[in-house]
Every structure is written in structure tokens, then in C-alpha cells.
Amino acid sequence: MSTISLPCKLLCASVAAYAINPKDRSGQYDPATGTDYEKEYKAVSFIGTPYVITDLQIEAALVGKTEFGIIVAFRGTLPPALHWDSILDWIQDFFMPTTKYPDIEGEIHAGFAFAFTALRDGIFKAVKELDQGAGLPVYITGHSKGGGIAPIAGMFFKKSGLLNVEQVITFAGPHPGNLAFGKSYSQLFPKAIRYENYLDIIPLLPPNPEFVDLLETLPGLPKKFVELLNEMKSLDYEPVGYLRYIDHKGKVNPLVPGETTRIKAIRDHLMTGQFSSVVDAHHPGCGYRYMKAVCGGTVCDS
């Protein structure tokens, strides 16, 4: 196997976290061997057995030691079914008001705050068990919803001094907080990275006013959904981290299209019934653009 980069290992850890089932209990074990996520799990090259952290409901994270430090990977949400109602439900899951959180400046997504709180103590204990006082660097990551929680976790653990957080890299992460949070995050993690993919709608949520205006042009939106869209306009959500944009060819492209262009492309695909293109654009595993762009042939072709 060719040398695997840090972003690739973190993406693979984020994918492997999907092997944690809702009924799994917290503990030290491998959740991925024998599953569809085995290749990605092996590519991370954990030293020993990682920890699985869950709240026995819907929140989960994978915490493991590697040769370069400790990885904390938050599990994301599963893609929706290929029909309009499912996609609307999926999008709506990311719509939440903002809230204050201890040791964090600005305001953050209330749902991600709840998810992080449910896993916070378990993650801290797992890292301490793996670290054994060595002061190893901690790398925090996640895909989808996990990519929304990761910046919040990074901020909390770094600001509180509880963990030696080195870097945060996210994939398809939605907006984690407001402008004030984003400014503080950029100061604390000036080298943080976020990967976003052509036609992936989740990194553009919760929506800013411009996106709300374009979403409202979609036919057949339920009245309650439109009301929810308009509530989002005033919440000042912002993306965080340096953007590495993946184009339609599966390449990280320094020429990033404007947000309006990206939003219109998604809208056009949805309006013409090309649901699979939008859903597939969010997928992090083998055979899809995130993996192709970040890992090349180092994982899936081995």
C-alpha cells in the first residue's frame, strides 16, 4: 500500500466510525472488521484496539491511537433515500438554533452541542487511557454531522486545556456555529481544513440567506419547511476551516466556485429529479468523490 496521508487517514477513520451501530455499547473493540468499512478501518493503522464511544442512542465516536497521535472521529448521519420527502427530512435534521457552550466563544449549533456533550466525557477518558501521560497530539475529525461536531470538540478541548488538540480536519461538515464562533475558531486553529464536494448540500447547511432564497424556488416545499428556512436567515451560521474544494472530476481544485454557483447546481439537479447525484456527492467511502480526491488509490484499490 502506498503512503497514506494524514487527511486520508482521518477520512478513513470518519468512514470507519459508521460501523458503530446504534445499539453498540461503549468499550474498547474494533467495530469495523467484517463490515463494508473494513478497508477504511485498516487504512487508519490504529495501534492496538480503538475505543468506541456511544450514548446508546444516535451519537457515536471512534477514538484510537496511531503512530502520529490519537484520532477522535465523530460518526455522521446516513444518507437519505432517493426521494424528495427523505431528502427534505435529511436536510431539516441540520436546521437548529444556536446556543452558548462553556469555554467556547460565540454560539454553536444546538444539536451538535447536545451530541458533543453526550460523548464528551467518554472521549476524554478514552484519550487519557490511550495517551498514558505522553501528551500525544490529538486529531479531531468527522464526516457529515460528525464534521459539524468536530470543530466544537476541538474548540472545547483546546480552550479548556483538557487535551492536546493538534488539528481538526472535517469532511462534508455542516456549519457548526455563528460568525463569532468562526472567528475564534480560526484564531485557535489557523490551519484547520474542511473538505467539501461538488453537489454536496450538507456543507452549505444550516443555510445562509442566499441559500434560503434559492431553496424557496424549489417546487412543492411544505409550508412548515419554508417557515423553518426563514427562521434560519437570522442565525448567522458560518463555515469554518480552510476550504479544500473537490470538483466534479474528483480533484481538489484551487478554483473554488462561488456559493451561488454551487447552490444553483444542487437546485438544478434536485429540480430535474437527479436525487442520486446529490446523495452520492455526500458519500465518504470507496467509489465516491471524497475518497477519490483525498486518498486517491491508496485505500480502495489495495
C-alpha atoms as a PDB file:
ATOM      1  CA  MET A   1       0.000   0.000   0.000  1.00  0.00           C
ATOM      2  CA  SER A   2       1.269   3.472  -0.866  1.00  0.00           C
ATOM      3  CA  THR A   3       1.924   6.010   1.843  1.00  0.00           C
ATOM      4  CA  ILE A   4      -1.372   7.284   3.220  1.00  0.00           C
ATOM      5  CA  SER A   5      -1.639  10.984   4.029  1.00  0.00           C
ATOM      6  CA  LEU A   6      -2.965  12.428   7.276  1.00  0.00           C
ATOM      7  CA  PRO A   7      -6.192  13.737   5.664  1.00  0.00           C
ATOM      8  CA  CYS A   8      -6.754  10.306   4.118  1.00  0.00           C
ATOM      9  CA  LYS A   9      -6.302   8.546   7.464  1.00  0.00           C
ATOM     10  CA  LEU A  10      -8.736  10.958   9.090  1.00  0.00           C
ATOM     11  CA  LEU A  11     -11.278  10.425   6.308  1.00  0.00           C
ATOM     12  CA  CYS A  12     -10.883   6.669   6.729  1.00  0.00           C
ATOM     13  CA  ALA A  13     -11.390   6.981  10.485  1.00  0.00           C
ATOM     14  CA  SER A  14     -14.543   9.013   9.817  1.00  0.00           C
ATOM     15  CA  VAL A  15     -15.805   6.282   7.481  1.00  0.00           C
ATOM     16  CA  ALA A  16     -14.919   3.531   9.968  1.00  0.00           C
ATOM     17  CA  ALA A  17     -16.982   5.329  12.610  1.00  0.00           C
ATOM     18  CA  TYR A  18     -20.075   4.466  10.539  1.00  0.00           C
ATOM     19  CA  ALA A  19     -19.511   0.831  11.543  1.00  0.00           C
ATOM     20  CA  ILE A  20     -20.673   1.742  15.068  1.00  0.00           C
ATOM     21  CA  ASN A  21     -24.307   0.655  15.322  1.00  0.00           C
ATOM     22  CA  PRO A  22     -26.915   2.489  17.427  1.00  0.00           C
ATOM     23  CA  LYS A  23     -27.151  -0.480  19.813  1.00  0.00           C
ATOM     24  CA  ASP A  24     -23.382  -0.797  20.318  1.00  0.00           C
ATOM     25  CA  ARG A  25     -22.078  -0.049  23.784  1.00  0.00           C
ATOM     26  CA  SER A  26     -19.035   1.976  24.663  1.00  0.00           C
ATOM     27  CA  GLY A  27     -15.841  -0.016  25.080  1.00  0.00           C
ATOM     28  CA  GLN A  28     -12.506  -0.939  23.558  1.00  0.00           C
ATOM     29  CA  TYR A  29     -13.110  -3.006  20.439  1.00  0.00           C
ATOM     30  CA  ASP A  30     -12.909  -2.959  16.625  1.00  0.00           C
ATOM     31  CA  PRO A  31     -16.341  -2.154  15.175  1.00  0.00           C
ATOM     32  CA  ALA A  32     -15.437  -2.431  11.502  1.00  0.00           C
ATOM     33  CA  THR A  33     -13.808  -5.800  10.695  1.00  0.00           C
ATOM     34  CA  GLY A  34     -16.165  -7.875   8.587  1.00  0.00           C
ATOM     35  CA  THR A  35     -18.216  -4.832   7.552  1.00  0.00           C
ATOM     36  CA  ASP A  36     -18.325  -2.637   4.447  1.00  0.00           C
ATOM     37  CA  TYR A  37     -15.897  -0.292   6.240  1.00  0.00           C
ATOM     38  CA  GLU A  38     -13.052  -2.764   6.766  1.00  0.00           C
ATOM     39  CA  LYS A  39     -10.739  -1.322   4.092  1.00  0.00           C
ATOM     40  CA  GLU A  40     -11.027   2.182   5.510  1.00  0.00           C
ATOM     41  CA  TYR A  41     -10.552   0.925   9.067  1.00  0.00           C
ATOM     42  CA  LYS A  42      -7.368  -0.940   8.165  1.00  0.00           C
ATOM     43  CA  ALA A  43      -6.001   2.119   6.345  1.00  0.00           C
ATOM     44  CA  VAL A  44      -6.036   4.139   9.581  1.00  0.00           C
ATOM     45  CA  SER A  45      -3.495   1.690  11.103  1.00  0.00           C
ATOM     46  CA  PHE A  46      -4.605   2.002  14.701  1.00  0.00           C
ATOM     47  CA  ILE A  47      -2.051   0.833  17.251  1.00  0.00           C
ATOM     48  CA  GLY A  48      -3.926  -1.656  19.379  1.00  0.00           C
ATOM     49  CA  THR A  49      -7.689  -1.600  19.687  1.00  0.00           C
ATOM     50  CA  PRO A  50      -9.599   1.686  19.455  1.00  0.00           C
ATOM     51  CA  TYR A  51     -12.361   2.805  21.790  1.00  0.00           C
ATOM     52  CA  VAL A  52     -15.979   3.043  20.727  1.00  0.00           C
ATOM     53  CA  ILE A  53     -17.894   5.837  22.459  1.00  0.00           C
ATOM     54  CA  THR A  54     -21.706   5.924  22.246  1.00  0.00           C
ATOM     55  CA  ASP A  55     -24.690   7.275  24.147  1.00  0.00           C
ATOM     56  CA  LEU A  56     -26.795   4.190  23.243  1.00  0.00           C
ATOM     57  CA  GLN A  57     -28.991   6.398  21.063  1.00  0.00           C
ATOM     58  CA  ILE A  58     -27.679   8.113  17.935  1.00  0.00           C
ATOM     59  CA  GLU A  59     -24.350   9.667  18.905  1.00  0.00           C
ATOM     60  CA  ALA A  60     -21.039   7.849  18.432  1.00  0.00           C
ATOM     61  CA  ALA A  61     -17.308   8.374  18.026  1.00  0.00           C
ATOM     62  CA  LEU A  62     -14.230   6.250  17.378  1.00  0.00           C
ATOM     63  CA  VAL A  63     -11.068   7.011  19.387  1.00  0.00           C
ATOM     64  CA  GLY A  64      -7.779   5.289  18.580  1.00  0.00           C
ATOM     65  CA  LYS A  65      -4.023   5.604  18.818  1.00  0.00           C
ATOM     66  CA  THR A  66      -1.790   5.786  15.722  1.00  0.00           C
ATOM     67  CA  GLU A  67       1.918   6.309  15.079  1.00  0.00           C
ATOM     68  CA  PHE A  68       1.378  10.079  14.783  1.00  0.00           C
ATOM     69  CA  GLY A  69      -1.062  10.636  17.653  1.00  0.00           C
ATOM     70  CA  ILE A  70      -4.641   9.963  18.716  1.00  0.00           C
ATOM     71  CA  ILE A  71      -7.631  10.241  16.381  1.00  0.00           C
ATOM     72  CA  VAL A  72     -11.106  11.206  17.542  1.00  0.00           C
ATOM     73  CA  ALA A  73     -13.610  10.572  14.720  1.00  0.00           C
ATOM     74  CA  PHE A  74     -17.259  11.507  15.150  1.00  0.00           C
ATOM     75  CA  ARG A  75     -19.819   9.407  13.315  1.00  0.00           C
ATOM     76  CA  GLY A  76     -22.034  11.218  10.836  1.00  0.00           C
ATOM     77  CA  THR A  77     -25.564  10.739   9.558  1.00  0.00           C
ATOM     78  CA  LEU A  78     -26.576   8.170   6.976  1.00  0.00           C
ATOM     79  CA  PRO A  79     -27.556   9.450   3.505  1.00  0.00           C
ATOM     80  CA  PRO A  80     -31.287   9.729   2.754  1.00  0.00           C
ATOM     81  CA  ALA A  81     -33.321   7.526   0.474  1.00  0.00           C
ATOM     82  CA  LEU A  82     -33.576   8.601  -3.142  1.00  0.00           C
ATOM     83  CA  HIS A  83     -36.834  10.518  -2.978  1.00  0.00           C
ATOM     84  CA  TRP A  84     -37.820  14.108  -2.258  1.00  0.00           C
ATOM     85  CA  ASP A  85     -39.504  13.642   1.154  1.00  0.00           C
ATOM     86  CA  SER A  86     -36.495  11.758   2.513  1.00  0.00           C
ATOM     87  CA  ILE A  87     -34.085  14.425   1.269  1.00  0.00           C
ATOM     88  CA  LEU A  88     -36.181  17.158   2.911  1.00  0.00           C
ATOM     89  CA  ASP A  89     -36.163  15.258   6.219  1.00  0.00           C
ATOM     90  CA  TRP A  90     -32.409  14.796   5.919  1.00  0.00           C
ATOM     91  CA  ILE A  91     -31.828  18.495   5.274  1.00  0.00           C
ATOM     92  CA  GLN A  92     -34.142  19.504   8.110  1.00  0.00           C
ATOM     93  CA  ASP A  93     -32.067  17.467  10.588  1.00  0.00           C
ATOM     94  CA  PHE A  94     -29.337  20.101  10.248  1.00  0.00           C
ATOM     95  CA  PHE A  95     -31.635  23.061  10.966  1.00  0.00           C
ATOM     96  CA  MET A  96     -31.237  24.136  14.575  1.00  0.00           C
ATOM     97  CA  PRO A  97     -30.938  27.364  16.559  1.00  0.00           C
ATOM     98  CA  THR A  98     -27.599  28.327  18.069  1.00  0.00           C
ATOM     99  CA  THR A  99     -26.699  28.160  21.753  1.00  0.00           C
ATOM    100  CA  LYS A 100     -23.913  29.120  24.132  1.00  0.00           C
ATOM    101  CA  TYR A 101     -21.441  26.473  25.364  1.00  0.00           C
ATOM    102  CA  PRO A 102     -18.833  26.523  28.175  1.00  0.00           C
ATOM    103  CA  ASP A 103     -15.286  27.524  27.128  1.00  0.00           C
ATOM    104  CA  ILE A 104     -16.471  28.384  23.610  1.00  0.00           C
ATOM    105  CA  GLU A 105     -16.852  31.893  22.210  1.00  0.00           C
ATOM    106  CA  GLY A 106     -19.838  32.783  20.078  1.00  0.00           C
ATOM    107  CA  GLU A 107     -22.766  30.418  19.659  1.00  0.00           C
ATOM    108  CA  ILE A 108     -22.927  26.896  18.218  1.00  0.00           C
ATOM    109  CA  HIS A 109     -25.495  24.608  16.614  1.00  0.00           C
ATOM    110  CA  ALA A 110     -27.723  23.341  19.450  1.00  0.00           C
ATOM    111  CA  GLY A 111     -27.972  19.825  18.030  1.00  0.00           C
ATOM    112  CA  PHE A 112     -24.219  19.449  17.644  1.00  0.00           C
ATOM    113  CA  ALA A 113     -23.742  20.851  21.161  1.00  0.00           C
ATOM    114  CA  PHE A 114     -26.084  18.165  22.512  1.00  0.00           C
ATOM    115  CA  ALA A 115     -24.290  15.426  20.567  1.00  0.00           C
ATOM    116  CA  PHE A 116     -20.851  16.535  21.759  1.00  0.00           C
ATOM    117  CA  THR A 117     -21.996  16.733  25.381  1.00  0.00           C
ATOM    118  CA  ALA A 118     -23.325  13.160  25.173  1.00  0.00           C
ATOM    119  CA  LEU A 119     -19.884  11.877  24.081  1.00  0.00           C
ATOM    120  CA  ARG A 120     -17.508  14.371  25.735  1.00  0.00           C
ATOM    121  CA  ASP A 121     -16.654  12.520  28.965  1.00  0.00           C
ATOM    122  CA  GLY A 122     -16.256   9.178  27.228  1.00  0.00           C
ATOM    123  CA  ILE A 123     -13.903  10.677  24.646  1.00  0.00           C
ATOM    124  CA  PHE A 124     -11.816  12.373  27.323  1.00  0.00           C
ATOM    125  CA  LYS A 125     -11.443   9.125  29.294  1.00  0.00           C
ATOM    126  CA  ALA A 126     -10.556   7.128  26.170  1.00  0.00           C
ATOM    127  CA  VAL A 127      -7.874   9.605  25.100  1.00  0.00           C
ATOM    128  CA  LYS A 128      -6.357   9.582  28.586  1.00  0.00           C
ATOM    129  CA  GLU A 129      -6.277   5.770  28.596  1.00  0.00           C
ATOM    130  CA  LEU A 130      -4.549   5.699  25.214  1.00  0.00           C
ATOM    131  CA  ASP A 131      -2.192   8.571  25.998  1.00  0.00           C
ATOM    132  CA  GLN A 132      -0.920   7.408  29.412  1.00  0.00           C
ATOM    133  CA  GLY A 133       0.535  10.834  30.179  1.00  0.00           C
ATOM    134  CA  ALA A 134       2.626  11.058  26.996  1.00  0.00           C
ATOM    135  CA  GLY A 135       0.987  14.278  25.791  1.00  0.00           C
ATOM    136  CA  LEU A 136       0.324  12.847  22.343  1.00  0.00           C
ATOM    137  CA  PRO A 137      -1.227  15.191  19.761  1.00  0.00           C
ATOM    138  CA  VAL A 138      -4.954  14.701  19.189  1.00  0.00           C
ATOM    139  CA  TYR A 139      -6.508  14.930  15.709  1.00  0.00           C
ATOM    140  CA  ILE A 140     -10.258  15.503  15.576  1.00  0.00           C
ATOM    141  CA  THR A 141     -12.336  14.677  12.524  1.00  0.00           C
ATOM    142  CA  GLY A 142     -15.737  13.644  11.247  1.00  0.00           C
ATOM    143  CA  HIS A 143     -17.926  13.368   8.171  1.00  0.00           C
ATOM    144  CA  SER A 144     -21.374  14.945   7.725  1.00  0.00           C
ATOM    145  CA  LYS A 145     -22.874  15.607  11.152  1.00  0.00           C
ATOM    146  CA  GLY A 146     -19.560  14.376  12.562  1.00  0.00           C
ATOM    147  CA  GLY A 147     -17.890  17.193  10.644  1.00  0.00           C
ATOM    148  CA  GLY A 148     -20.179  19.662  12.394  1.00  0.00           C
ATOM    149  CA  ILE A 149     -19.375  18.288  15.850  1.00  0.00           C
ATOM    150  CA  ALA A 150     -15.597  18.061  15.309  1.00  0.00           C
ATOM    151  CA  PRO A 151     -14.847  21.834  15.341  1.00  0.00           C
ATOM    152  CA  ILE A 152     -16.902  22.217  18.526  1.00  0.00           C
ATOM    153  CA  ALA A 153     -14.992  19.372  20.173  1.00  0.00           C
ATOM    154  CA  GLY A 154     -11.699  20.842  19.028  1.00  0.00           C
ATOM    155  CA  MET A 155     -12.566  24.255  20.464  1.00  0.00           C
ATOM    156  CA  PHE A 156     -13.754  22.881  23.794  1.00  0.00           C
ATOM    157  CA  PHE A 157     -10.850  20.515  24.415  1.00  0.00           C
ATOM    158  CA  LYS A 158      -8.241  23.050  23.275  1.00  0.00           C
ATOM    159  CA  LYS A 159      -9.681  26.051  25.148  1.00  0.00           C
ATOM    160  CA  SER A 160     -10.221  24.047  28.329  1.00  0.00           C
ATOM    161  CA  GLY A 161      -6.711  22.569  28.146  1.00  0.00           C
ATOM    162  CA  LEU A 162      -8.071  19.064  28.664  1.00  0.00           C
ATOM    163  CA  LEU A 163      -6.500  17.581  25.524  1.00  0.00           C
ATOM    164  CA  ASN A 164      -3.513  18.405  23.323  1.00  0.00           C
ATOM    165  CA  VAL A 165      -5.537  19.094  20.160  1.00  0.00           C
ATOM    166  CA  GLU A 166      -3.183  19.466  17.206  1.00  0.00           C
ATOM    167  CA  GLN A 167      -5.516  19.694  14.205  1.00  0.00           C
ATOM    168  CA  VAL A 168      -9.137  19.491  13.080  1.00  0.00           C
ATOM    169  CA  ILE A 169      -9.957  18.247   9.574  1.00  0.00           C
ATOM    170  CA  THR A 170     -13.570  17.747   8.510  1.00  0.00           C
ATOM    171  CA  PHE A 171     -15.352  16.216   5.533  1.00  0.00           C
ATOM    172  CA  ALA A 172     -18.782  17.373   4.306  1.00  0.00           C
ATOM    173  CA  GLY A 173     -19.282  19.150   7.617  1.00  0.00           C
ATOM    174  CA  PRO A 174     -22.249  21.496   8.049  1.00  0.00           C
ATOM    175  CA  HIS A 175     -21.856  24.936   9.618  1.00  0.00           C
ATOM    176  CA  PRO A 176     -21.071  24.407  13.337  1.00  0.00           C
ATOM    177  CA  GLY A 177     -21.772  27.899  14.679  1.00  0.00           C
ATOM    178  CA  ASN A 178     -22.146  31.608  14.106  1.00  0.00           C
ATOM    179  CA  LEU A 179     -19.701  34.246  12.911  1.00  0.00           C
ATOM    180  CA  ALA A 180     -18.279  34.893  16.400  1.00  0.00           C
ATOM    181  CA  PHE A 181     -17.573  31.181  16.821  1.00  0.00           C
ATOM    182  CA  GLY A 182     -15.929  31.088  13.404  1.00  0.00           C
ATOM    183  CA  LYS A 183     -13.586  33.961  14.197  1.00  0.00           C
ATOM    184  CA  SER A 184     -12.484  32.390  17.484  1.00  0.00           C
ATOM    185  CA  TYR A 185     -12.037  29.003  15.810  1.00  0.00           C
ATOM    186  CA  SER A 186      -9.845  30.492  13.069  1.00  0.00           C
ATOM    187  CA  GLN A 187      -7.590  32.095  15.665  1.00  0.00           C
ATOM    188  CA  LEU A 188      -7.235  28.859  17.613  1.00  0.00           C
ATOM    189  CA  PHE A 189      -6.910  26.575  14.570  1.00  0.00           C
ATOM    190  CA  PRO A 190      -5.425  28.674  11.744  1.00  0.00           C
ATOM    191  CA  LYS A 191      -4.514  25.514   9.793  1.00  0.00           C
ATOM    192  CA  ALA A 192      -7.850  23.718  10.183  1.00  0.00           C
ATOM    193  CA  ILE A 193      -9.160  22.214   6.935  1.00  0.00           C
ATOM    194  CA  ARG A 194     -12.607  21.389   5.630  1.00  0.00           C
ATOM    195  CA  TYR A 195     -13.211  19.271   2.521  1.00  0.00           C
ATOM    196  CA  GLU A 196     -16.372  19.949   0.523  1.00  0.00           C
ATOM    197  CA  ASN A 197     -17.565  18.252  -2.627  1.00  0.00           C
ATOM    198  CA  TYR A 198     -19.361  19.338  -5.796  1.00  0.00           C
ATOM    199  CA  LEU A 199     -23.159  18.842  -5.399  1.00  0.00           C
ATOM    200  CA  ASP A 200     -22.880  18.082  -1.679  1.00  0.00           C
ATOM    201  CA  ILE A 201     -25.622  20.093   0.023  1.00  0.00           C
ATOM    202  CA  ILE A 202     -24.696  19.393   3.655  1.00  0.00           C
ATOM    203  CA  PRO A 203     -21.616  21.700   3.841  1.00  0.00           C
ATOM    204  CA  LEU A 204     -23.943  24.579   2.888  1.00  0.00           C
ATOM    205  CA  LEU A 205     -26.283  23.960   5.843  1.00  0.00           C
ATOM    206  CA  PRO A 206     -27.722  25.435   8.013  1.00  0.00           C
ATOM    207  CA  PRO A 207     -28.363  27.830   5.143  1.00  0.00           C
ATOM    208  CA  ASN A 208     -27.395  31.444   4.862  1.00  0.00           C
ATOM    209  CA  PRO A 209     -29.998  33.937   3.489  1.00  0.00           C
ATOM    210  CA  GLU A 210     -28.800  33.485  -0.100  1.00  0.00           C
ATOM    211  CA  PHE A 211     -29.265  29.728   0.070  1.00  0.00           C
ATOM    212  CA  VAL A 212     -32.700  30.142   1.663  1.00  0.00           C
ATOM    213  CA  ASP A 213     -33.810  32.316  -1.252  1.00  0.00           C
ATOM    214  CA  LEU A 214     -32.699  29.681  -3.765  1.00  0.00           C
ATOM    215  CA  LEU A 215     -34.195  26.763  -1.831  1.00  0.00           C
ATOM    216  CA  GLU A 216     -37.520  28.562  -1.808  1.00  0.00           C
ATOM    217  CA  THR A 217     -37.578  28.347  -5.615  1.00  0.00           C
ATOM    218  CA  LEU A 218     -37.845  24.546  -5.406  1.00  0.00           C
ATOM    219  CA  PRO A 219     -41.397  23.424  -6.237  1.00  0.00           C
ATOM    220  CA  GLY A 220     -43.525  21.574  -3.701  1.00  0.00           C
ATOM    221  CA  LEU A 221     -41.794  22.665  -0.498  1.00  0.00           C
ATOM    222  CA  PRO A 222     -44.064  22.123   2.540  1.00  0.00           C
ATOM    223  CA  LYS A 223     -45.218  25.313   4.266  1.00  0.00           C
ATOM    224  CA  LYS A 224     -43.546  24.322   7.553  1.00  0.00           C
ATOM    225  CA  PHE A 225     -40.253  23.763   5.758  1.00  0.00           C
ATOM    226  CA  VAL A 226     -40.433  27.229   4.199  1.00  0.00           C
ATOM    227  CA  GLU A 227     -41.113  28.711   7.651  1.00  0.00           C
ATOM    228  CA  LEU A 228     -38.099  26.862   9.006  1.00  0.00           C
ATOM    229  CA  LEU A 229     -35.960  28.186   6.165  1.00  0.00           C
ATOM    230  CA  ASN A 230     -36.853  31.747   7.021  1.00  0.00           C
ATOM    231  CA  GLU A 231     -36.054  31.189  10.701  1.00  0.00           C
ATOM    232  CA  MET A 232     -32.525  30.224   9.665  1.00  0.00           C
ATOM    233  CA  LYS A 233     -31.863  33.554   7.947  1.00  0.00           C
ATOM    234  CA  SER A 234     -31.132  35.415  11.176  1.00  0.00           C
ATOM    235  CA  LEU A 235     -28.818  32.883  12.839  1.00  0.00           C
ATOM    236  CA  ASP A 236     -25.574  33.968  11.171  1.00  0.00           C
ATOM    237  CA  TYR A 237     -24.193  30.466  10.540  1.00  0.00           C
ATOM    238  CA  GLU A 238     -20.686  30.311   9.032  1.00  0.00           C
ATOM    239  CA  PRO A 239     -18.342  27.590   7.710  1.00  0.00           C
ATOM    240  CA  VAL A 240     -15.004  27.110   9.487  1.00  0.00           C
ATOM    241  CA  GLY A 241     -11.570  25.946   8.350  1.00  0.00           C
ATOM    242  CA  TYR A 242      -9.637  26.401   5.119  1.00  0.00           C
ATOM    243  CA  LEU A 243     -11.728  25.059   2.223  1.00  0.00           C
ATOM    244  CA  ARG A 244     -10.321  22.332   0.020  1.00  0.00           C
ATOM    245  CA  TYR A 245     -12.934  22.012  -2.713  1.00  0.00           C
ATOM    246  CA  ILE A 246     -13.434  18.771  -4.639  1.00  0.00           C
ATOM    247  CA  ASP A 247     -14.643  19.313  -8.206  1.00  0.00           C
ATOM    248  CA  HIS A 248     -16.863  17.098 -10.358  1.00  0.00           C
ATOM    249  CA  LYS A 249     -13.793  15.163 -11.567  1.00  0.00           C
ATOM    250  CA  GLY A 250     -12.803  14.180  -8.028  1.00  0.00           C
ATOM    251  CA  LYS A 251      -9.857  16.554  -7.832  1.00  0.00           C
ATOM    252  CA  VAL A 252      -9.027  19.068  -5.120  1.00  0.00           C
ATOM    253  CA  ASN A 253      -9.340  22.241  -7.172  1.00  0.00           C
ATOM    254  CA  PRO A 254      -7.866  25.595  -6.077  1.00  0.00           C
ATOM    255  CA  LEU A 255     -10.503  27.317  -8.232  1.00  0.00           C
ATOM    256  CA  VAL A 256     -13.492  27.243  -5.885  1.00  0.00           C
ATOM    257  CA  PRO A 257     -16.819  28.226  -7.486  1.00  0.00           C
ATOM    258  CA  GLY A 258     -18.867  30.839  -5.665  1.00  0.00           C
ATOM    259  CA  GLU A 259     -21.506  29.649  -3.239  1.00  0.00           C
ATOM    260  CA  THR A 260     -24.297  30.852  -5.533  1.00  0.00           C
ATOM    261  CA  THR A 261     -22.924  28.703  -8.371  1.00  0.00           C
ATOM    262  CA  ARG A 262     -22.695  25.676  -6.078  1.00  0.00           C
ATOM    263  CA  ILE A 263     -26.208  26.178  -4.723  1.00  0.00           C
ATOM    264  CA  LYS A 264     -27.719  26.597  -8.195  1.00  0.00           C
ATOM    265  CA  ALA A 265     -26.067  23.373  -9.388  1.00  0.00           C
ATOM    266  CA  ILE A 266     -27.624  21.477  -6.475  1.00  0.00           C
ATOM    267  CA  ARG A 267     -31.004  23.115  -7.052  1.00  0.00           C
ATOM    268  CA  ASP A 268     -30.934  22.238 -10.761  1.00  0.00           C
ATOM    269  CA  HIS A 269     -30.133  18.599 -10.037  1.00  0.00           C
ATOM    270  CA  LEU A 270     -32.955  18.350  -7.479  1.00  0.00           C
ATOM    271  CA  MET A 271     -35.469  20.079  -9.751  1.00  0.00           C
ATOM    272  CA  THR A 272     -34.699  17.629 -12.565  1.00  0.00           C
ATOM    273  CA  GLY A 273     -35.021  14.587 -10.308  1.00  0.00           C
ATOM    274  CA  GLN A 274     -31.308  13.777 -10.168  1.00  0.00           C
ATOM    275  CA  PHE A 275     -31.501  12.860  -6.482  1.00  0.00           C
ATOM    276  CA  SER A 276     -28.820  10.178  -6.687  1.00  0.00           C
ATOM    277  CA  SER A 277     -26.213  12.720  -7.809  1.00  0.00           C
ATOM    278  CA  VAL A 278     -26.855  14.873  -4.740  1.00  0.00           C
ATOM    279  CA  VAL A 279     -26.942  11.914  -2.346  1.00  0.00           C
ATOM    280  CA  ASP A 280     -23.822  10.298  -3.841  1.00  0.00           C
ATOM    281  CA  ALA A 281     -21.944  13.601  -3.561  1.00  0.00           C
ATOM    282  CA  HIS A 282     -22.190  13.292   0.222  1.00  0.00           C
ATOM    283  CA  HIS A 283     -20.907   9.714   0.446  1.00  0.00           C
ATOM    284  CA  PRO A 284     -17.422   9.396   2.032  1.00  0.00           C
ATOM    285  CA  GLY A 285     -16.490   5.803   1.206  1.00  0.00           C
ATOM    286  CA  CYS A 286     -14.825   3.881  -1.592  1.00  0.00           C
ATOM    287  CA  GLY A 287     -16.201   4.590  -5.054  1.00  0.00           C
ATOM    288  CA  TYR A 288     -17.167   8.197  -4.328  1.00  0.00           C
ATOM    289  CA  ARG A 289     -15.501  11.582  -4.830  1.00  0.00           C
ATOM    290  CA  TYR A 290     -14.429  12.371  -1.259  1.00  0.00           C
ATOM    291  CA  MET A 291     -12.383   9.183  -1.089  1.00  0.00           C
ATOM    292  CA  LYS A 292     -11.074   9.592  -4.630  1.00  0.00           C
ATOM    293  CA  ALA A 293      -9.890  13.161  -4.024  1.00  0.00           C
ATOM    294  CA  VAL A 294      -8.441  12.714  -0.535  1.00  0.00           C
ATOM    295  CA  CYS A 295      -6.982   9.207  -0.757  1.00  0.00           C
ATOM    296  CA  GLY A 296      -6.538   8.554  -4.450  1.00  0.00           C
ATOM    297  CA  GLY A 297      -5.810   4.865  -4.986  1.00  0.00           C
ATOM    298  CA  THR A 298      -4.096   4.273  -1.645  1.00  0.00           C
ATOM    299  CA  VAL A 299      -7.067   2.690   0.145  1.00  0.00           C
ATOM    300  CA  CYS A 300      -9.823   1.385  -2.084  1.00  0.00           C
ATOM    301  CA  ASP A 301      -7.609  -0.123  -4.809  1.00  0.00           C
ATOM    302  CA  SER A 302      -5.378  -2.049  -2.409  1.00  0.00           C
END
